[in-house]
Every structure is written in C-alpha cells, then in structure tokens.
Amino acid sequence: MNRSALLRRPPLLQAAVVVLLTSAFMLPAARAQAAENAATEQATASPAPMTKGEIKAQREFKMLDFNKDGKLSRAEVALFPRLSAAFDEADTDKDGYVSYAEVQAFAVKYRAERDKAKAKARAEEAKAAEHAAAAPAARDKKEGEGSKD
C-alpha cells in the first residue's frame, strides 16, 4: 500500500491505521519500560511493617541516644548492664559506637541463638518425657516376666 492510497482512505480509517502502526512499534518499548518500572518499584518498595518488638527497640534506641547522633556510645549504655556487656559484640565495625543497624543485626543473632537453645531444651524435655513414659512400660514388662517364674 503506497502513501497516496493511504491518504485516500476516510480520516477515521487513517487514524486507526496510524494508531495501529504506532502501537505496534511502541508496544515492545512500553513492555520493556513497564518491566523496568516494576523492577524499580519492587527494589524501592517500602519494607514490611515493623513488628511491635522492632518498634519498641527503635524507640528504646532513640531514648538511649542522648546526644541524638544516631549511634550509641559506651557511655550512653553504661546504665544498662546487659547492654554494656553486649556492647563489644554488637559493635561489629569496632568504631566504638553501636548503630541501629548493628543493634538490629545483633538482635537477629541473639534471637537465633535463643531460639536454638529453646529448641534444644524442648528436644531434651521431649526425650526425657519419652524416657519417663517408656520406663513404666519396661518395668511392667519386666514384672510380667518375673511373675511367670
């Protein structure tokens, strides 16, 4: 179809052909842009809402940060023996301060260790309960064998 044949068509048809051709060429670019936008939105999406524990930790961190510099010094946590004792372990970059990110990382590590200890204790309790339940059965079996004699 040459240009003069296209121009002789009704204006509505001309507009439809222009839209169709434009969309045919623009669709791949639009899809690529949409995919890029989706990836950007996903990467910059707001983090999940904070839990009650995280809100409390952030509030307490801000409360302890007396000079409001965004980090805790050894002097700022001196009144809290548990925090003072954990200061060196929490200060992962060894700059003499604990940032909120370091507190978060320490909390994750602490929770993992605590959960592991709780799981171990539960397993030991279950094993002890299983052993306790098995002991009377073994005793009954032994008594039953003894009465046969």
N, C-alpha and C. Protein backbone atom coordinates (compact mmCIF):
# COMPACT_ATOMS: atom_id res chain seq x y z
N MET A 1 0.85 -1.16 0.00
CA MET A 1 0.00 0.00 0.00
C MET A 1 0.90 1.22 0.00
N ASN A 2 0.69 2.08 -1.01
CA ASN A 2 1.52 3.28 -1.08
C ASN A 2 0.89 4.43 -0.31
N ARG A 3 1.59 5.50 -0.23
CA ARG A 3 1.16 6.64 0.57
C ARG A 3 -0.10 7.27 0.01
N SER A 4 -0.22 7.41 -1.29
CA SER A 4 -1.39 8.05 -1.88
C SER A 4 -2.65 7.21 -1.62
N ALA A 5 -2.52 5.90 -1.62
CA ALA A 5 -3.68 5.06 -1.33
C ALA A 5 -4.11 5.22 0.12
N LEU A 6 -3.15 5.39 1.01
CA LEU A 6 -3.46 5.59 2.41
C LEU A 6 -4.17 6.91 2.63
N LEU A 7 -3.73 7.95 1.91
CA LEU A 7 -4.33 9.27 2.07
C LEU A 7 -5.75 9.32 1.52
N ARG A 8 -6.10 8.48 0.58
CA ARG A 8 -7.44 8.50 0.01
C ARG A 8 -8.45 7.81 0.91
N ARG A 9 -8.04 7.14 1.94
CA ARG A 9 -8.95 6.46 2.84
C ARG A 9 -9.63 7.47 3.75
N PRO A 10 -10.79 7.11 4.33
CA PRO A 10 -11.50 8.02 5.22
C PRO A 10 -10.62 8.38 6.42
N PRO A 11 -10.79 9.58 6.98
CA PRO A 11 -9.95 10.04 8.09
C PRO A 11 -9.98 9.11 9.30
N LEU A 12 -11.12 8.53 9.60
CA LEU A 12 -11.21 7.62 10.73
C LEU A 12 -10.33 6.38 10.52
N LEU A 13 -10.36 5.88 9.30
CA LEU A 13 -9.53 4.73 8.97
C LEU A 13 -8.05 5.10 9.01
N GLN A 14 -7.72 6.30 8.53
CA GLN A 14 -6.34 6.76 8.58
C GLN A 14 -5.86 6.82 10.03
N ALA A 15 -6.71 7.36 10.89
CA ALA A 15 -6.35 7.47 12.30
C ALA A 15 -6.15 6.08 12.91
N ALA A 16 -7.03 5.15 12.55
CA ALA A 16 -6.92 3.80 13.08
C ALA A 16 -5.63 3.14 12.63
N VAL A 17 -5.25 3.33 11.38
CA VAL A 17 -4.02 2.75 10.86
C VAL A 17 -2.81 3.37 11.57
N VAL A 18 -2.85 4.67 11.79
CA VAL A 18 -1.74 5.34 12.48
C VAL A 18 -1.62 4.81 13.91
N VAL A 19 -2.74 4.68 14.60
CA VAL A 19 -2.71 4.17 15.97
C VAL A 19 -2.19 2.74 15.99
N LEU A 20 -2.66 1.94 15.06
CA LEU A 20 -2.23 0.54 15.00
C LEU A 20 -0.73 0.43 14.75
N LEU A 21 -0.25 1.20 13.78
CA LEU A 21 1.19 1.15 13.49
C LEU A 21 2.02 1.70 14.64
N THR A 22 1.54 2.77 15.22
CA THR A 22 2.27 3.36 16.35
C THR A 22 2.33 2.38 17.51
N SER A 23 1.19 1.76 17.81
CA SER A 23 1.18 0.84 18.95
C SER A 23 2.02 -0.40 18.66
N ALA A 24 2.06 -0.82 17.41
CA ALA A 24 2.86 -1.99 17.06
C ALA A 24 4.35 -1.72 17.29
N PHE A 25 4.77 -0.48 17.00
CA PHE A 25 6.18 -0.15 17.21
C PHE A 25 6.46 0.21 18.67
N MET A 26 5.48 0.76 19.35
CA MET A 26 5.69 1.23 20.72
C MET A 26 5.45 0.13 21.75
N LEU A 27 4.72 -0.92 21.42
CA LEU A 27 4.38 -1.95 22.39
C LEU A 27 5.62 -2.61 23.02
N PRO A 28 6.59 -3.03 22.24
CA PRO A 28 7.77 -3.64 22.87
C PRO A 28 8.49 -2.67 23.81
N ALA A 29 8.58 -1.41 23.40
CA ALA A 29 9.23 -0.42 24.25
C ALA A 29 8.42 -0.18 25.52
N ALA A 30 7.10 -0.15 25.37
CA ALA A 30 6.23 0.05 26.54
C ALA A 30 6.33 -1.13 27.50
N ARG A 31 6.38 -2.33 26.95
CA ARG A 31 6.53 -3.51 27.81
C ARG A 31 7.86 -3.48 28.55
N ALA A 32 8.90 -3.13 27.85
CA ALA A 32 10.22 -3.06 28.48
C ALA A 32 10.22 -2.00 29.58
N GLN A 33 9.59 -0.85 29.31
CA GLN A 33 9.52 0.22 30.31
C GLN A 33 8.69 -0.23 31.51
N ALA A 34 7.58 -0.93 31.26
CA ALA A 34 6.75 -1.42 32.35
C ALA A 34 7.52 -2.42 33.21
N ALA A 35 8.27 -3.30 32.57
CA ALA A 35 9.06 -4.27 33.32
C ALA A 35 10.13 -3.57 34.15
N GLU A 36 10.75 -2.56 33.57
CA GLU A 36 11.77 -1.80 34.28
C GLU A 36 11.15 -1.07 35.47
N ASN A 37 9.98 -0.48 35.26
CA ASN A 37 9.29 0.23 36.34
C ASN A 37 8.91 -0.73 37.47
N ALA A 38 8.44 -1.91 37.09
CA ALA A 38 8.05 -2.91 38.10
C ALA A 38 9.27 -3.33 38.92
N ALA A 39 10.39 -3.54 38.25
CA ALA A 39 11.61 -3.94 38.95
C ALA A 39 12.07 -2.83 39.90
N THR A 40 11.98 -1.59 39.44
CA THR A 40 12.38 -0.45 40.27
C THR A 40 11.45 -0.33 41.47
N GLU A 41 10.15 -0.47 41.24
CA GLU A 41 9.19 -0.39 42.34
C GLU A 41 9.45 -1.49 43.36
N GLN A 42 9.75 -2.68 42.87
CA GLN A 42 10.00 -3.81 43.77
C GLN A 42 11.27 -3.55 44.59
N ALA A 43 12.27 -3.00 43.94
CA ALA A 43 13.53 -2.75 44.64
C ALA A 43 13.40 -1.63 45.66
N THR A 44 12.58 -0.63 45.34
CA THR A 44 12.43 0.51 46.24
C THR A 44 11.16 0.45 47.05
N ALA A 45 10.47 -0.69 47.02
CA ALA A 45 9.23 -0.82 47.77
C ALA A 45 9.52 -0.64 49.25
N SER A 46 8.55 -0.09 49.95
CA SER A 46 8.74 0.13 51.37
C SER A 46 8.88 -1.22 52.06
N PRO A 47 9.74 -1.27 53.07
CA PRO A 47 9.95 -2.54 53.75
C PRO A 47 8.67 -2.97 54.47
N ALA A 48 8.65 -4.21 54.87
CA ALA A 48 7.49 -4.74 55.59
C ALA A 48 7.27 -3.92 56.85
N PRO A 49 6.03 -3.82 57.29
CA PRO A 49 5.77 -3.06 58.52
C PRO A 49 6.57 -3.63 59.68
N MET A 50 6.98 -2.74 60.57
CA MET A 50 7.79 -3.16 61.71
C MET A 50 6.92 -3.90 62.72
N THR A 51 7.50 -4.88 63.37
CA THR A 51 6.79 -5.61 64.41
C THR A 51 6.76 -4.76 65.68
N LYS A 52 5.96 -5.19 66.64
CA LYS A 52 5.90 -4.46 67.92
C LYS A 52 7.26 -4.43 68.59
N GLY A 53 7.98 -5.56 68.51
CA GLY A 53 9.31 -5.63 69.11
C GLY A 53 10.29 -4.67 68.44
N GLU A 54 10.20 -4.57 67.10
CA GLU A 54 11.09 -3.65 66.38
C GLU A 54 10.76 -2.20 66.70
N ILE A 55 9.48 -1.90 66.83
CA ILE A 55 9.07 -0.54 67.18
C ILE A 55 9.60 -0.19 68.57
N LYS A 56 9.47 -1.15 69.50
CA LYS A 56 9.96 -0.93 70.86
C LYS A 56 11.48 -0.75 70.86
N ALA A 57 12.18 -1.58 70.10
CA ALA A 57 13.65 -1.48 70.06
C ALA A 57 14.08 -0.14 69.49
N GLN A 58 13.41 0.30 68.43
CA GLN A 58 13.77 1.58 67.82
C GLN A 58 13.49 2.73 68.79
N ARG A 59 12.37 2.67 69.50
CA ARG A 59 12.03 3.70 70.48
C ARG A 59 13.07 3.73 71.59
N GLU A 60 13.46 2.55 72.09
CA GLU A 60 14.46 2.49 73.16
C GLU A 60 15.83 2.95 72.68
N PHE A 61 16.16 2.61 71.43
CA PHE A 61 17.44 3.07 70.86
C PHE A 61 17.47 4.59 70.85
N LYS A 62 16.39 5.19 70.38
CA LYS A 62 16.32 6.67 70.33
C LYS A 62 16.37 7.27 71.73
N MET A 63 15.74 6.59 72.69
CA MET A 63 15.75 7.08 74.06
C MET A 63 17.17 7.05 74.64
N LEU A 64 17.92 5.98 74.34
CA LEU A 64 19.28 5.86 74.85
C LEU A 64 20.27 6.78 74.14
N ASP A 65 19.95 7.17 72.94
CA ASP A 65 20.84 8.03 72.15
C ASP A 65 20.69 9.47 72.63
N PHE A 66 21.32 9.76 73.77
CA PHE A 66 21.14 11.05 74.43
C PHE A 66 21.54 12.23 73.57
N ASN A 67 22.61 12.11 72.83
CA ASN A 67 23.07 13.24 72.01
C ASN A 67 22.48 13.23 70.60
N LYS A 68 21.61 12.28 70.32
CA LYS A 68 20.86 12.20 69.05
C LYS A 68 21.77 12.18 67.81
N ASP A 69 22.89 11.45 67.92
CA ASP A 69 23.79 11.33 66.77
C ASP A 69 23.53 10.07 65.95
N GLY A 70 22.52 9.29 66.34
CA GLY A 70 22.16 8.10 65.58
C GLY A 70 22.97 6.87 65.91
N LYS A 71 23.74 6.95 66.97
CA LYS A 71 24.53 5.80 67.41
C LYS A 71 24.68 5.85 68.92
N LEU A 72 24.95 4.69 69.50
CA LEU A 72 25.10 4.61 70.94
C LEU A 72 26.58 4.47 71.30
N SER A 73 26.99 5.28 72.26
CA SER A 73 28.36 5.16 72.75
C SER A 73 28.35 4.28 73.99
N ARG A 74 29.53 3.89 74.42
CA ARG A 74 29.65 3.06 75.62
C ARG A 74 29.07 3.82 76.82
N ALA A 75 29.26 5.13 76.87
CA ALA A 75 28.74 5.94 77.98
C ALA A 75 27.22 5.96 77.98
N GLU A 76 26.61 5.96 76.81
CA GLU A 76 25.15 6.03 76.73
C GLU A 76 24.49 4.73 77.21
N VAL A 77 25.18 3.62 77.13
CA VAL A 77 24.60 2.35 77.57
C VAL A 77 25.16 1.89 78.92
N ALA A 78 25.98 2.71 79.55
CA ALA A 78 26.64 2.32 80.80
C ALA A 78 25.65 2.01 81.91
N LEU A 79 24.48 2.62 81.91
CA LEU A 79 23.50 2.41 82.97
C LEU A 79 22.77 1.07 82.84
N PHE A 80 22.99 0.37 81.74
CA PHE A 80 22.28 -0.88 81.47
C PHE A 80 23.29 -2.02 81.35
N PRO A 81 23.46 -2.80 82.42
CA PRO A 81 24.50 -3.84 82.44
C PRO A 81 24.42 -4.83 81.27
N ARG A 82 23.19 -5.26 80.89
CA ARG A 82 23.08 -6.22 79.78
C ARG A 82 23.57 -5.59 78.48
N LEU A 83 23.24 -4.32 78.27
CA LEU A 83 23.69 -3.66 77.05
C LEU A 83 25.19 -3.42 77.08
N SER A 84 25.69 -3.02 78.23
CA SER A 84 27.13 -2.80 78.36
C SER A 84 27.91 -4.07 78.09
N ALA A 85 27.39 -5.20 78.60
CA ALA A 85 28.07 -6.48 78.42
C ALA A 85 28.08 -6.90 76.96
N ALA A 86 27.05 -6.54 76.21
CA ALA A 86 26.95 -6.95 74.80
C ALA A 86 27.52 -5.91 73.84
N PHE A 87 28.02 -4.80 74.35
CA PHE A 87 28.46 -3.69 73.50
C PHE A 87 29.52 -4.11 72.49
N ASP A 88 30.57 -4.78 72.96
CA ASP A 88 31.67 -5.16 72.07
C ASP A 88 31.22 -6.13 70.98
N GLU A 89 30.32 -7.04 71.35
CA GLU A 89 29.83 -7.99 70.36
C GLU A 89 28.93 -7.31 69.33
N ALA A 90 28.14 -6.33 69.78
CA ALA A 90 27.23 -5.62 68.88
C ALA A 90 27.98 -4.64 67.97
N ASP A 91 29.10 -4.11 68.44
CA ASP A 91 29.87 -3.13 67.66
C ASP A 91 30.71 -3.87 66.62
N THR A 92 30.07 -4.28 65.55
CA THR A 92 30.74 -5.14 64.56
C THR A 92 31.82 -4.41 63.77
N ASP A 93 31.68 -3.10 63.58
CA ASP A 93 32.73 -2.39 62.82
C ASP A 93 33.81 -1.82 63.74
N LYS A 94 33.70 -2.09 65.03
CA LYS A 94 34.71 -1.72 66.04
C LYS A 94 35.08 -0.24 66.00
N ASP A 95 34.06 0.62 65.80
CA ASP A 95 34.32 2.06 65.81
C ASP A 95 34.03 2.71 67.16
N GLY A 96 33.67 1.90 68.14
CA GLY A 96 33.39 2.42 69.48
C GLY A 96 31.95 2.90 69.65
N TYR A 97 31.14 2.69 68.63
CA TYR A 97 29.73 3.07 68.68
C TYR A 97 28.91 1.91 68.12
N VAL A 98 27.65 1.86 68.55
CA VAL A 98 26.73 0.87 68.02
C VAL A 98 25.62 1.60 67.30
N SER A 99 25.51 1.36 66.00
CA SER A 99 24.46 1.98 65.20
C SER A 99 23.18 1.17 65.33
N TYR A 100 22.07 1.73 64.86
CA TYR A 100 20.81 0.99 64.92
C TYR A 100 20.89 -0.26 64.05
N ALA A 101 21.58 -0.19 62.91
CA ALA A 101 21.75 -1.37 62.05
C ALA A 101 22.52 -2.46 62.79
N GLU A 102 23.53 -2.08 63.56
CA GLU A 102 24.28 -3.06 64.34
C GLU A 102 23.41 -3.66 65.44
N VAL A 103 22.55 -2.84 66.03
CA VAL A 103 21.63 -3.35 67.05
C VAL A 103 20.68 -4.36 66.41
N GLN A 104 20.17 -4.05 65.23
CA GLN A 104 19.26 -4.97 64.54
C GLN A 104 19.97 -6.30 64.23
N ALA A 105 21.18 -6.22 63.72
CA ALA A 105 21.94 -7.43 63.39
C ALA A 105 22.21 -8.25 64.65
N PHE A 106 22.56 -7.57 65.73
CA PHE A 106 22.80 -8.27 66.99
C PHE A 106 21.53 -8.94 67.49
N ALA A 107 20.40 -8.25 67.35
CA ALA A 107 19.12 -8.81 67.80
C ALA A 107 18.76 -10.06 67.01
N VAL A 108 19.02 -10.05 65.71
CA VAL A 108 18.74 -11.23 64.89
C VAL A 108 19.61 -12.40 65.35
N LYS A 109 20.87 -12.13 65.57
CA LYS A 109 21.80 -13.17 66.03
C LYS A 109 21.39 -13.68 67.41
N TYR A 110 21.04 -12.76 68.30
CA TYR A 110 20.63 -13.13 69.66
C TYR A 110 19.37 -13.99 69.63
N ARG A 111 18.37 -13.58 68.82
CA ARG A 111 17.13 -14.35 68.72
C ARG A 111 17.39 -15.75 68.17
N ALA A 112 18.27 -15.84 67.18
CA ALA A 112 18.59 -17.15 66.59
C ALA A 112 19.23 -18.05 67.63
N GLU A 113 20.16 -17.52 68.41
CA GLU A 113 20.81 -18.31 69.45
C GLU A 113 19.80 -18.71 70.53
N ARG A 114 18.93 -17.77 70.91
CA ARG A 114 17.91 -18.06 71.93
C ARG A 114 16.94 -19.13 71.43
N ASP A 115 16.50 -19.00 70.17
CA ASP A 115 15.57 -19.98 69.61
C ASP A 115 16.21 -21.36 69.51
N LYS A 116 17.49 -21.40 69.17
CA LYS A 116 18.21 -22.67 69.10
C LYS A 116 18.30 -23.32 70.48
N ALA A 117 18.57 -22.51 71.50
CA ALA A 117 18.65 -23.03 72.87
C ALA A 117 17.28 -23.53 73.33
N LYS A 118 16.22 -22.79 72.99
CA LYS A 118 14.88 -23.23 73.36
C LYS A 118 14.51 -24.54 72.66
N ALA A 119 14.86 -24.65 71.39
CA ALA A 119 14.57 -25.89 70.65
C ALA A 119 15.33 -27.06 71.26
N LYS A 120 16.57 -26.84 71.65
CA LYS A 120 17.37 -27.89 72.27
C LYS A 120 16.74 -28.31 73.60
N ALA A 121 16.29 -27.32 74.39
CA ALA A 121 15.66 -27.62 75.67
C ALA A 121 14.36 -28.40 75.47
N ARG A 122 13.57 -28.01 74.47
CA ARG A 122 12.32 -28.73 74.18
C ARG A 122 12.62 -30.16 73.75
N ALA A 123 13.65 -30.34 72.94
CA ALA A 123 14.02 -31.69 72.48
C ALA A 123 14.46 -32.54 73.67
N GLU A 124 15.22 -31.95 74.58
CA GLU A 124 15.66 -32.69 75.76
C GLU A 124 14.48 -33.04 76.66
N GLU A 125 13.53 -32.10 76.79
CA GLU A 125 12.33 -32.36 77.59
C GLU A 125 11.50 -33.49 76.96
N ALA A 126 11.37 -33.45 75.64
CA ALA A 126 10.61 -34.49 74.94
C ALA A 126 11.29 -35.84 75.11
N LYS A 127 12.61 -35.84 75.03
CA LYS A 127 13.35 -37.09 75.19
C LYS A 127 13.19 -37.62 76.61
N ALA A 128 13.24 -36.72 77.60
CA ALA A 128 13.08 -37.13 78.99
C ALA A 128 11.66 -37.66 79.23
N ALA A 129 10.65 -36.98 78.63
CA ALA A 129 9.27 -37.44 78.78
C ALA A 129 9.08 -38.79 78.12
N GLU A 130 9.70 -38.98 76.96
CA GLU A 130 9.63 -40.27 76.25
C GLU A 130 10.28 -41.36 77.09
N HIS A 131 11.42 -41.03 77.67
CA HIS A 131 12.13 -41.98 78.52
C HIS A 131 11.30 -42.32 79.76
N ALA A 132 10.68 -41.29 80.35
CA ALA A 132 9.85 -41.49 81.54
C ALA A 132 8.64 -42.35 81.21
N ALA A 133 8.05 -42.14 80.03
CA ALA A 133 6.89 -42.94 79.62
C ALA A 133 7.31 -44.37 79.31
N ALA A 134 8.50 -44.56 78.80
CA ALA A 134 8.97 -45.89 78.44
C ALA A 134 9.40 -46.68 79.68
N ALA A 135 9.83 -46.00 80.72
CA ALA A 135 10.32 -46.69 81.92
C ALA A 135 9.22 -47.51 82.59
N PRO A 136 8.01 -46.98 82.82
CA PRO A 136 6.97 -47.83 83.44
C PRO A 136 6.59 -49.01 82.56
N ALA A 137 6.55 -48.81 81.27
CA ALA A 137 6.21 -49.91 80.36
C ALA A 137 7.26 -51.01 80.46
N ALA A 138 8.52 -50.63 80.53
CA ALA A 138 9.60 -51.62 80.65
C ALA A 138 9.52 -52.31 82.01
N ARG A 139 9.19 -51.53 83.05
CA ARG A 139 9.07 -52.11 84.38
C ARG A 139 7.90 -53.09 84.42
N ASP A 140 6.78 -52.70 83.82
CA ASP A 140 5.61 -53.59 83.77
C ASP A 140 5.94 -54.87 83.01
N LYS A 141 6.66 -54.73 81.91
CA LYS A 141 7.04 -55.89 81.11
C LYS A 141 7.95 -56.80 81.93
N LYS A 142 8.89 -56.18 82.67
CA LYS A 142 9.83 -56.96 83.46
C LYS A 142 9.08 -57.65 84.60
N GLU A 143 8.13 -56.94 85.22
CA GLU A 143 7.35 -57.56 86.30
C GLU A 143 6.50 -58.69 85.76
N GLY A 144 5.97 -58.53 84.55
CA GLY A 144 5.18 -59.58 83.93
C GLY A 144 6.01 -60.81 83.67
N GLU A 145 7.24 -60.62 83.26
CA GLU A 145 8.14 -61.77 83.02
C GLU A 145 8.51 -62.44 84.35
N GLY A 146 8.64 -61.64 85.41
CA GLY A 146 9.01 -62.15 86.71
C GLY A 146 7.88 -62.97 87.31
N SER A 147 6.64 -62.65 87.04
CA SER A 147 5.51 -63.37 87.63
C SER A 147 5.30 -64.71 86.95
N LYS A 148 5.84 -64.88 85.76
CA LYS A 148 5.72 -66.16 85.05
C LYS A 148 6.55 -67.23 85.74
N ASP A 149 7.61 -66.81 86.41
CA ASP A 149 8.52 -67.79 87.03
C ASP A 149 7.95 -68.37 88.23
